[in-house]
Amino acid sequence: MLGKYAKRIQEIDRASQKVLREKFKLHRRRPLVEELEGSGLCSADVVLELVHADHRDAAEHVMGHTITVYVPYVPRWPPTKPKVRINEDQKKVVFVKPTNPKMPGTRAHTAFSLVKVGMTKVQLLSRGVTRRDIRSWTRAGYVEFET
């Protein structure tokens, strides 16, 4: 499985060979390439281990060209909250339908009861009202914001 890389693996320095032997638990006295092939390892396994062990020069020698290692992209966890839209989210409520149009006992009824004239969208969002609620209530005419 090492194929064309076998000769290059034999040529790497002793410290890199020692790293491979320790990592893959190979016999110290037998030829390295025979031990790697006997273990079913391929050139990718060898190169990755050399890079992880900070023996990049040996890995580049095995591959025959330079290896560029990028920092892996790891998304932030927990995900950050969406950024506040300053110009739109600071608008205040100027009209609220006097009677609550939502069915009593539902989440929407509870959320609509939180809406008061003079509150901003940010204040509504911080109290548990969703953007979807605000959008649908505005379209239905239950709530109006300043322009």
C-alpha atoms as a PDB file:
ATOM      1  CA  MET A   1       0.000   0.000   0.000  1.00  0.00           C
ATOM      2  CA  LEU A   2       2.983   2.280   0.374  1.00  0.00           C
ATOM      3  CA  GLY A   3       3.948   1.740  -3.264  1.00  0.00           C
ATOM      4  CA  LYS A   4       6.038   4.566  -4.639  1.00  0.00           C
ATOM      5  CA  TYR A   5       6.587   6.083  -1.172  1.00  0.00           C
ATOM      6  CA  ALA A   6       8.475   3.050   0.220  1.00  0.00           C
ATOM      7  CA  LYS A   7      11.911   4.293  -0.872  1.00  0.00           C
ATOM      8  CA  ARG A   8      11.277   7.778   0.531  1.00  0.00           C
ATOM      9  CA  ILE A   9      10.091   6.351   3.862  1.00  0.00           C
ATOM     10  CA  GLN A  10      13.364   4.433   4.179  1.00  0.00           C
ATOM     11  CA  GLU A  11      15.270   7.713   3.688  1.00  0.00           C
ATOM     12  CA  ILE A  12      13.676   9.721   6.532  1.00  0.00           C
ATOM     13  CA  ASP A  13      15.747  10.509   9.616  1.00  0.00           C
ATOM     14  CA  ARG A  14      15.949   8.188  12.634  1.00  0.00           C
ATOM     15  CA  ALA A  15      13.941  10.464  14.933  1.00  0.00           C
ATOM     16  CA  SER A  16      11.005  10.434  12.519  1.00  0.00           C
ATOM     17  CA  GLN A  17      11.293   6.669  12.112  1.00  0.00           C
ATOM     18  CA  LYS A  18      11.243   6.323  15.888  1.00  0.00           C
ATOM     19  CA  VAL A  19       8.060   8.418  16.082  1.00  0.00           C
ATOM     20  CA  LEU A  20       6.375   6.134  13.543  1.00  0.00           C
ATOM     21  CA  ARG A  21       7.516   2.967  15.296  1.00  0.00           C
ATOM     22  CA  GLU A  22       6.229   4.203  18.663  1.00  0.00           C
ATOM     23  CA  LYS A  23       2.930   5.497  17.346  1.00  0.00           C
ATOM     24  CA  PHE A  24       2.051   2.401  15.317  1.00  0.00           C
ATOM     25  CA  LYS A  25       3.718  -0.016  17.806  1.00  0.00           C
ATOM     26  CA  LEU A  26       6.121  -1.495  15.244  1.00  0.00           C
ATOM     27  CA  HIS A  27       9.130  -3.755  15.894  1.00  0.00           C
ATOM     28  CA  ARG A  28      12.376  -1.798  16.376  1.00  0.00           C
ATOM     29  CA  ARG A  29      14.734  -4.086  14.473  1.00  0.00           C
ATOM     30  CA  ARG A  30      12.714  -5.028  11.394  1.00  0.00           C
ATOM     31  CA  PRO A  31      12.734  -2.733   8.320  1.00  0.00           C
ATOM     32  CA  LEU A  32      10.264   0.116   8.760  1.00  0.00           C
ATOM     33  CA  VAL A  33       8.576  -0.208   5.347  1.00  0.00           C
ATOM     34  CA  GLU A  34       7.920  -3.943   5.822  1.00  0.00           C
ATOM     35  CA  GLU A  35       6.449  -3.282   9.267  1.00  0.00           C
ATOM     36  CA  LEU A  36       4.207  -0.493   7.942  1.00  0.00           C
ATOM     37  CA  GLU A  37       2.933  -2.630   5.079  1.00  0.00           C
ATOM     38  CA  GLY A  38       2.409  -5.581   7.420  1.00  0.00           C
ATOM     39  CA  SER A  39       0.266  -3.384   9.637  1.00  0.00           C
ATOM     40  CA  GLY A  40      -1.914  -2.356   6.685  1.00  0.00           C
ATOM     41  CA  LEU A  41      -0.944   1.296   6.910  1.00  0.00           C
ATOM     42  CA  CYS A  42      -0.795   3.530   3.844  1.00  0.00           C
ATOM     43  CA  SER A  43       1.264   6.600   2.991  1.00  0.00           C
ATOM     44  CA  ALA A  44      -1.495   8.930   4.225  1.00  0.00           C
ATOM     45  CA  ASP A  45      -1.289   7.393   7.699  1.00  0.00           C
ATOM     46  CA  VAL A  46       2.475   7.864   7.738  1.00  0.00           C
ATOM     47  CA  VAL A  47       2.350  11.469   6.535  1.00  0.00           C
ATOM     48  CA  LEU A  48      -0.461  12.465   8.910  1.00  0.00           C
ATOM     49  CA  GLU A  49       1.363  11.035  11.891  1.00  0.00           C
ATOM     50  CA  LEU A  50       4.581  12.818  10.925  1.00  0.00           C
ATOM     51  CA  VAL A  51       2.718  16.122  10.604  1.00  0.00           C
ATOM     52  CA  HIS A  52       0.944  15.597  13.945  1.00  0.00           C
ATOM     53  CA  ALA A  53       4.265  14.777  15.602  1.00  0.00           C
ATOM     54  CA  ASP A  54       5.730  18.025  14.206  1.00  0.00           C
ATOM     55  CA  HIS A  55       8.081  16.234  11.806  1.00  0.00           C
ATOM     56  CA  ARG A  56       6.853  18.178   8.801  1.00  0.00           C
ATOM     57  CA  ASP A  57      10.208  18.021   6.996  1.00  0.00           C
ATOM     58  CA  ALA A  58      10.084  14.213   7.032  1.00  0.00           C
ATOM     59  CA  ALA A  59       6.454  14.271   5.872  1.00  0.00           C
ATOM     60  CA  GLU A  60       7.384  16.586   3.001  1.00  0.00           C
ATOM     61  CA  HIS A  61      10.239  14.272   2.060  1.00  0.00           C
ATOM     62  CA  VAL A  62       7.877  11.290   1.925  1.00  0.00           C
ATOM     63  CA  MET A  63       5.344  13.186  -0.191  1.00  0.00           C
ATOM     64  CA  GLY A  64       7.929  14.822  -2.403  1.00  0.00           C
ATOM     65  CA  HIS A  65       6.475  18.340  -2.080  1.00  0.00           C
ATOM     66  CA  THR A  66       5.728  20.937   0.571  1.00  0.00           C
ATOM     67  CA  ILE A  67       2.745  20.461   2.832  1.00  0.00           C
ATOM     68  CA  THR A  68       0.600  23.406   3.818  1.00  0.00           C
ATOM     69  CA  VAL A  69      -1.247  22.961   7.079  1.00  0.00           C
ATOM     70  CA  TYR A  70      -4.226  25.199   7.744  1.00  0.00           C
ATOM     71  CA  VAL A  71      -5.874  25.843  11.065  1.00  0.00           C
ATOM     72  CA  PRO A  72      -9.053  23.772  11.077  1.00  0.00           C
ATOM     73  CA  TYR A  73     -12.320  25.690  11.061  1.00  0.00           C
ATOM     74  CA  VAL A  74     -14.175  24.979  14.258  1.00  0.00           C
ATOM     75  CA  PRO A  75     -17.442  26.825  14.646  1.00  0.00           C
ATOM     76  CA  ARG A  76     -17.964  28.615  17.932  1.00  0.00           C
ATOM     77  CA  TRP A  77     -19.974  26.696  20.464  1.00  0.00           C
ATOM     78  CA  PRO A  78     -22.361  27.648  21.771  1.00  0.00           C
ATOM     79  CA  PRO A  79     -23.386  29.639  18.708  1.00  0.00           C
ATOM     80  CA  THR A  80     -23.330  33.371  19.246  1.00  0.00           C
ATOM     81  CA  LYS A  81     -26.585  35.268  19.318  1.00  0.00           C
ATOM     82  CA  PRO A  82     -27.467  37.111  16.128  1.00  0.00           C
ATOM     83  CA  LYS A  83     -26.230  40.668  15.937  1.00  0.00           C
ATOM     84  CA  VAL A  84     -28.751  43.343  16.779  1.00  0.00           C
ATOM     85  CA  ARG A  85     -29.964  45.313  13.796  1.00  0.00           C
ATOM     86  CA  ILE A  86     -29.512  48.762  15.280  1.00  0.00           C
ATOM     87  CA  ASN A  87     -31.615  50.833  12.903  1.00  0.00           C
ATOM     88  CA  GLU A  88     -34.571  48.416  12.700  1.00  0.00           C
ATOM     89  CA  ASP A  89     -34.495  46.965  16.224  1.00  0.00           C
ATOM     90  CA  GLN A  90     -34.545  50.359  17.955  1.00  0.00           C
ATOM     91  CA  LYS A  91     -37.953  51.286  16.509  1.00  0.00           C
ATOM     92  CA  LYS A  92     -40.666  51.658  19.127  1.00  0.00           C
ATOM     93  CA  VAL A  93     -44.200  50.297  19.185  1.00  0.00           C
ATOM     94  CA  VAL A  94     -46.714  53.078  18.429  1.00  0.00           C
ATOM     95  CA  PHE A  95     -49.910  51.003  18.260  1.00  0.00           C
ATOM     96  CA  VAL A  96     -51.079  47.744  19.844  1.00  0.00           C
ATOM     97  CA  LYS A  97     -54.515  46.269  19.196  1.00  0.00           C
ATOM     98  CA  PRO A  98     -56.476  46.812  22.416  1.00  0.00           C
ATOM     99  CA  THR A  99     -57.816  43.253  22.616  1.00  0.00           C
ATOM    100  CA  ASN A 100     -55.473  40.299  22.406  1.00  0.00           C
ATOM    101  CA  PRO A 101     -56.278  38.533  19.081  1.00  0.00           C
ATOM    102  CA  LYS A 102     -54.531  35.301  20.020  1.00  0.00           C
ATOM    103  CA  MET A 103     -56.209  32.261  21.568  1.00  0.00           C
ATOM    104  CA  PRO A 104     -55.982  32.321  25.390  1.00  0.00           C
ATOM    105  CA  GLY A 105     -53.612  29.773  26.891  1.00  0.00           C
ATOM    106  CA  THR A 106     -51.245  29.721  23.904  1.00  0.00           C
ATOM    107  CA  ARG A 107     -47.663  30.920  23.756  1.00  0.00           C
ATOM    108  CA  ALA A 108     -48.658  33.560  21.208  1.00  0.00           C
ATOM    109  CA  HIS A 109     -51.327  34.944  23.594  1.00  0.00           C
ATOM    110  CA  THR A 110     -48.767  35.221  26.390  1.00  0.00           C
ATOM    111  CA  ALA A 111     -46.230  36.841  24.058  1.00  0.00           C
ATOM    112  CA  PHE A 112     -48.778  39.340  22.692  1.00  0.00           C
ATOM    113  CA  SER A 113     -49.749  40.357  26.228  1.00  0.00           C
ATOM    114  CA  LEU A 114     -46.124  41.506  26.748  1.00  0.00           C
ATOM    115  CA  VAL A 115     -46.334  44.086  23.939  1.00  0.00           C
ATOM    116  CA  LYS A 116     -46.830  47.649  25.202  1.00  0.00           C
ATOM    117  CA  VAL A 117     -46.693  51.000  23.417  1.00  0.00           C
ATOM    118  CA  GLY A 118     -43.212  52.525  23.682  1.00  0.00           C
ATOM    119  CA  MET A 119     -41.281  49.219  23.791  1.00  0.00           C
ATOM    120  CA  THR A 120     -38.537  48.590  21.238  1.00  0.00           C
ATOM    121  CA  LYS A 121     -38.095  45.393  19.239  1.00  0.00           C
ATOM    122  CA  VAL A 122     -35.000  44.606  21.285  1.00  0.00           C
ATOM    123  CA  GLN A 123     -37.030  44.778  24.495  1.00  0.00           C
ATOM    124  CA  LEU A 124     -39.693  42.508  22.996  1.00  0.00           C
ATOM    125  CA  LEU A 125     -37.073  39.999  21.827  1.00  0.00           C
ATOM    126  CA  SER A 126     -35.446  39.965  25.263  1.00  0.00           C
ATOM    127  CA  ARG A 127     -38.813  39.090  26.810  1.00  0.00           C
ATOM    128  CA  GLY A 128     -39.317  36.046  24.597  1.00  0.00           C
ATOM    129  CA  VAL A 129     -41.254  37.447  21.646  1.00  0.00           C
ATOM    130  CA  THR A 130     -39.835  36.027  18.406  1.00  0.00           C
ATOM    131  CA  ARG A 131     -39.051  37.948  15.228  1.00  0.00           C
ATOM    132  CA  ARG A 132     -41.629  35.785  13.516  1.00  0.00           C
ATOM    133  CA  ASP A 133     -44.287  36.963  16.005  1.00  0.00           C
ATOM    134  CA  ILE A 134     -43.375  40.602  15.413  1.00  0.00           C
ATOM    135  CA  ARG A 135     -43.401  40.155  11.635  1.00  0.00           C
ATOM    136  CA  SER A 136     -46.761  38.378  11.533  1.00  0.00           C
ATOM    137  CA  TRP A 137     -48.433  40.795  13.979  1.00  0.00           C
ATOM    138  CA  THR A 138     -47.177  43.761  11.964  1.00  0.00           C
ATOM    139  CA  ARG A 139     -48.497  42.293   8.693  1.00  0.00           C
ATOM    140  CA  ALA A 140     -51.860  41.524  10.314  1.00  0.00           C
ATOM    141  CA  GLY A 141     -52.094  45.082  11.696  1.00  0.00           C
ATOM    142  CA  TYR A 142     -52.117  44.063  15.382  1.00  0.00           C
ATOM    143  CA  VAL A 143     -48.909  46.033  16.084  1.00  0.00           C
ATOM    144  CA  GLU A 144     -47.381  49.076  14.406  1.00  0.00           C
ATOM    145  CA  PHE A 145     -43.855  50.456  14.781  1.00  0.00           C
ATOM    146  CA  GLU A 146     -42.606  53.988  14.207  1.00  0.00           C
ATOM    147  CA  THR A 147     -41.302  54.679  10.717  1.00  0.00           C
END
